[in-house]
Every structure is written in C-alpha cells, then in structure tokens.
Amino acid sequence: MTSNELLILAAGLYLGFAVTAAIHMVWAGIGAARAARSGQAAATAALKRAAGDQALTVFQLDRLISRRKEQV
C-alpha cells in the first residue's frame, strides 16, 4: 500500500469510529430520556395514589369520630 492509501484508510477508520460514537451517544441519550420520563410518570402516579390514600384515611377517621360522638 502506498502512503496515500494508508492515510485514506486511517481517515476512514477514524471517521467510522467518530460516527459510531456519535450515534451511540444520541441513542443512549434517547434511552435515558425515555427512562427519565417513565420514572417521572411513575413518581407522579405514586404521589397521586398516596394523596388519595391520605384523604381517604382522614375521611374514615372523621366518620369514626362522628360515630363515637353519636354513641356517647
């Protein structure tokens, strides 16, 4: 191989490496963003569920207190 062909081969290898690395970074970033959105949605749903449970518990406690007042 001539020195010119070796130079073109080296440039091609470097370009292939750079493009592969860039595609991997974009692909990994998209996956991480998707995972973050999924985690955020799950956290929001858990927060709403906990708030509903707390409201229901307060309502049940209020009913128990009012029943006890009626019995006394």
N, C-alpha and C. Protein backbone atom coordinates (compact mmCIF):
# COMPACT_ATOMS: atom_id res chain seq x y z
N MET A 1 0.85 -1.18 0.00
CA MET A 1 0.00 0.00 0.00
C MET A 1 0.89 1.24 0.00
N THR A 2 0.39 2.21 -0.68
CA THR A 2 1.14 3.46 -0.70
C THR A 2 0.79 4.27 0.54
N SER A 3 1.58 5.29 0.77
CA SER A 3 1.32 6.13 1.94
C SER A 3 -0.01 6.87 1.82
N ASN A 4 -0.40 7.19 0.60
CA ASN A 4 -1.68 7.86 0.37
C ASN A 4 -2.84 6.94 0.73
N GLU A 5 -2.76 5.68 0.36
CA GLU A 5 -3.81 4.71 0.69
C GLU A 5 -3.89 4.47 2.19
N LEU A 6 -2.73 4.40 2.85
CA LEU A 6 -2.72 4.24 4.30
C LEU A 6 -3.36 5.43 5.01
N LEU A 7 -3.10 6.61 4.49
CA LEU A 7 -3.69 7.83 5.06
C LEU A 7 -5.21 7.81 4.89
N ILE A 8 -5.69 7.40 3.72
CA ILE A 8 -7.13 7.32 3.47
C ILE A 8 -7.75 6.25 4.37
N LEU A 9 -7.06 5.11 4.54
CA LEU A 9 -7.56 4.06 5.43
C LEU A 9 -7.67 4.55 6.86
N ALA A 10 -6.65 5.24 7.34
CA ALA A 10 -6.67 5.77 8.70
C ALA A 10 -7.79 6.79 8.88
N ALA A 11 -7.98 7.65 7.88
CA ALA A 11 -9.04 8.65 7.95
C ALA A 11 -10.41 7.97 7.95
N GLY A 12 -10.57 6.92 7.17
CA GLY A 12 -11.83 6.19 7.13
C GLY A 12 -12.13 5.50 8.45
N LEU A 13 -11.10 4.89 9.04
CA LEU A 13 -11.29 4.25 10.36
C LEU A 13 -11.69 5.28 11.42
N TYR A 14 -11.00 6.42 11.40
CA TYR A 14 -11.32 7.46 12.38
C TYR A 14 -12.74 7.98 12.17
N LEU A 15 -13.11 8.21 10.92
CA LEU A 15 -14.45 8.71 10.61
C LEU A 15 -15.51 7.69 11.03
N GLY A 16 -15.28 6.43 10.80
CA GLY A 16 -16.21 5.39 11.21
C GLY A 16 -16.35 5.34 12.72
N PHE A 17 -15.22 5.46 13.42
CA PHE A 17 -15.26 5.48 14.88
C PHE A 17 -16.04 6.69 15.39
N ALA A 18 -15.78 7.85 14.81
CA ALA A 18 -16.45 9.07 15.27
C ALA A 18 -17.96 9.00 15.03
N VAL A 19 -18.37 8.51 13.87
CA VAL A 19 -19.80 8.41 13.56
C VAL A 19 -20.47 7.40 14.49
N THR A 20 -19.80 6.27 14.72
CA THR A 20 -20.35 5.26 15.62
C THR A 20 -20.50 5.81 17.04
N ALA A 21 -19.50 6.54 17.50
CA ALA A 21 -19.56 7.12 18.85
C ALA A 21 -20.69 8.15 18.94
N ALA A 22 -20.86 8.96 17.90
CA ALA A 22 -21.92 9.98 17.91
C ALA A 22 -23.30 9.32 17.91
N ILE A 23 -23.48 8.29 17.09
CA ILE A 23 -24.76 7.59 17.06
C ILE A 23 -25.05 6.94 18.41
N HIS A 24 -24.03 6.36 19.01
CA HIS A 24 -24.21 5.74 20.33
C HIS A 24 -24.61 6.77 21.38
N MET A 25 -23.98 7.94 21.36
CA MET A 25 -24.32 8.98 22.34
C MET A 25 -25.77 9.44 22.16
N VAL A 26 -26.20 9.62 20.91
CA VAL A 26 -27.58 10.04 20.67
C VAL A 26 -28.55 8.94 21.11
N TRP A 27 -28.24 7.71 20.75
CA TRP A 27 -29.11 6.59 21.08
C TRP A 27 -29.22 6.40 22.59
N ALA A 28 -28.09 6.50 23.29
CA ALA A 28 -28.10 6.36 24.75
C ALA A 28 -28.84 7.53 25.38
N GLY A 29 -28.72 8.72 24.83
CA GLY A 29 -29.43 9.89 25.36
C GLY A 29 -30.93 9.75 25.22
N ILE A 30 -31.37 9.20 24.09
CA ILE A 30 -32.81 9.00 23.88
C ILE A 30 -33.33 7.96 24.88
N GLY A 31 -32.58 6.89 25.09
CA GLY A 31 -33.00 5.88 26.06
C GLY A 31 -33.05 6.42 27.47
N ALA A 32 -32.07 7.25 27.83
CA ALA A 32 -32.06 7.83 29.18
C ALA A 32 -33.22 8.79 29.37
N ALA A 33 -33.53 9.57 28.33
CA ALA A 33 -34.66 10.50 28.43
C ALA A 33 -35.97 9.74 28.57
N ARG A 34 -36.09 8.64 27.82
CA ARG A 34 -37.31 7.83 27.92
C ARG A 34 -37.45 7.23 29.32
N ALA A 35 -36.34 6.75 29.87
CA ALA A 35 -36.37 6.19 31.22
C ALA A 35 -36.71 7.25 32.25
N ALA A 36 -36.19 8.46 32.06
CA ALA A 36 -36.48 9.55 32.99
C ALA A 36 -37.97 9.92 32.95
N ARG A 37 -38.53 9.98 31.73
CA ARG A 37 -39.96 10.29 31.63
C ARG A 37 -40.80 9.20 32.27
N SER A 38 -40.41 7.96 32.07
CA SER A 38 -41.15 6.85 32.66
C SER A 38 -41.08 6.90 34.18
N GLY A 39 -39.89 7.19 34.70
CA GLY A 39 -39.74 7.31 36.14
C GLY A 39 -40.53 8.46 36.71
N GLN A 40 -40.57 9.57 35.97
CA GLN A 40 -41.34 10.74 36.42
C GLN A 40 -42.82 10.42 36.44
N ALA A 41 -43.30 9.71 35.43
CA ALA A 41 -44.72 9.35 35.39
C ALA A 41 -45.07 8.41 36.53
N ALA A 42 -44.20 7.47 36.82
CA ALA A 42 -44.45 6.54 37.93
C ALA A 42 -44.44 7.29 39.27
N ALA A 43 -43.54 8.23 39.42
CA ALA A 43 -43.48 9.01 40.66
C ALA A 43 -44.73 9.87 40.83
N THR A 44 -45.20 10.46 39.75
CA THR A 44 -46.41 11.27 39.81
C THR A 44 -47.62 10.41 40.18
N ALA A 45 -47.71 9.23 39.57
CA ALA A 45 -48.82 8.33 39.88
C ALA A 45 -48.77 7.88 41.34
N ALA A 46 -47.58 7.58 41.84
CA ALA A 46 -47.45 7.17 43.25
C ALA A 46 -47.82 8.31 44.19
N LEU A 47 -47.46 9.53 43.83
CA LEU A 47 -47.81 10.69 44.65
C LEU A 47 -49.32 10.89 44.69
N LYS A 48 -49.97 10.78 43.53
CA LYS A 48 -51.43 10.92 43.49
C LYS A 48 -52.11 9.81 44.31
N ARG A 49 -51.59 8.59 44.20
CA ARG A 49 -52.16 7.48 44.95
C ARG A 49 -52.00 7.71 46.45
N ALA A 50 -50.84 8.19 46.86
CA ALA A 50 -50.60 8.45 48.28
C ALA A 50 -51.49 9.58 48.79
N ALA A 51 -51.69 10.60 47.97
CA ALA A 51 -52.56 11.70 48.38
C ALA A 51 -54.01 11.21 48.52
N GLY A 52 -54.44 10.36 47.60
CA GLY A 52 -55.78 9.79 47.69
C GLY A 52 -55.94 8.91 48.91
N ASP A 53 -54.94 8.10 49.20
CA ASP A 53 -54.98 7.26 50.39
C ASP A 53 -55.05 8.10 51.66
N GLN A 54 -54.30 9.17 51.70
CA GLN A 54 -54.29 10.04 52.88
C GLN A 54 -55.66 10.71 53.04
N ALA A 55 -56.25 11.17 51.94
CA ALA A 55 -57.57 11.80 52.02
C ALA A 55 -58.62 10.79 52.47
N LEU A 56 -58.55 9.58 51.96
CA LEU A 56 -59.49 8.54 52.37
C LEU A 56 -59.34 8.20 53.85
N THR A 57 -58.11 8.15 54.33
CA THR A 57 -57.86 7.85 55.74
C THR A 57 -58.43 8.95 56.64
N VAL A 58 -58.25 10.20 56.24
CA VAL A 58 -58.80 11.31 57.02
C VAL A 58 -60.32 11.23 57.03
N PHE A 59 -60.93 10.92 55.90
CA PHE A 59 -62.38 10.79 55.83
C PHE A 59 -62.87 9.66 56.74
N GLN A 60 -62.20 8.51 56.69
CA GLN A 60 -62.60 7.39 57.54
C GLN A 60 -62.44 7.73 59.02
N LEU A 61 -61.37 8.40 59.37
CA LEU A 61 -61.15 8.81 60.76
C LEU A 61 -62.24 9.78 61.21
N ASP A 62 -62.62 10.69 60.34
CA ASP A 62 -63.68 11.63 60.67
C ASP A 62 -65.00 10.90 60.90
N ARG A 63 -65.29 9.91 60.09
CA ARG A 63 -66.51 9.12 60.27
C ARG A 63 -66.48 8.36 61.58
N LEU A 64 -65.35 7.78 61.94
CA LEU A 64 -65.24 7.06 63.21
C LEU A 64 -65.45 8.00 64.40
N ILE A 65 -64.87 9.19 64.32
CA ILE A 65 -65.02 10.15 65.41
C ILE A 65 -66.47 10.58 65.54
N SER A 66 -67.13 10.82 64.40
CA SER A 66 -68.54 11.25 64.47
C SER A 66 -69.44 10.13 64.99
N ARG A 67 -69.15 8.89 64.65
CA ARG A 67 -69.91 7.77 65.19
C ARG A 67 -69.73 7.66 66.69
N ARG A 68 -68.51 7.85 67.13
CA ARG A 68 -68.23 7.74 68.56
C ARG A 68 -68.97 8.86 69.33
N LYS A 69 -69.02 10.05 68.74
CA LYS A 69 -69.74 11.15 69.38
C LYS A 69 -71.23 10.85 69.46
N GLU A 70 -71.78 10.20 68.42
CA GLU A 70 -73.21 9.85 68.44
C GLU A 70 -73.52 8.80 69.50
N GLN A 71 -72.59 7.89 69.75
CA GLN A 71 -72.82 6.83 70.72
C GLN A 71 -72.74 7.34 72.15
N VAL A 72 -71.97 8.36 72.36
CA VAL A 72 -71.77 8.86 73.73
C VAL A 72 -72.83 9.81 74.12
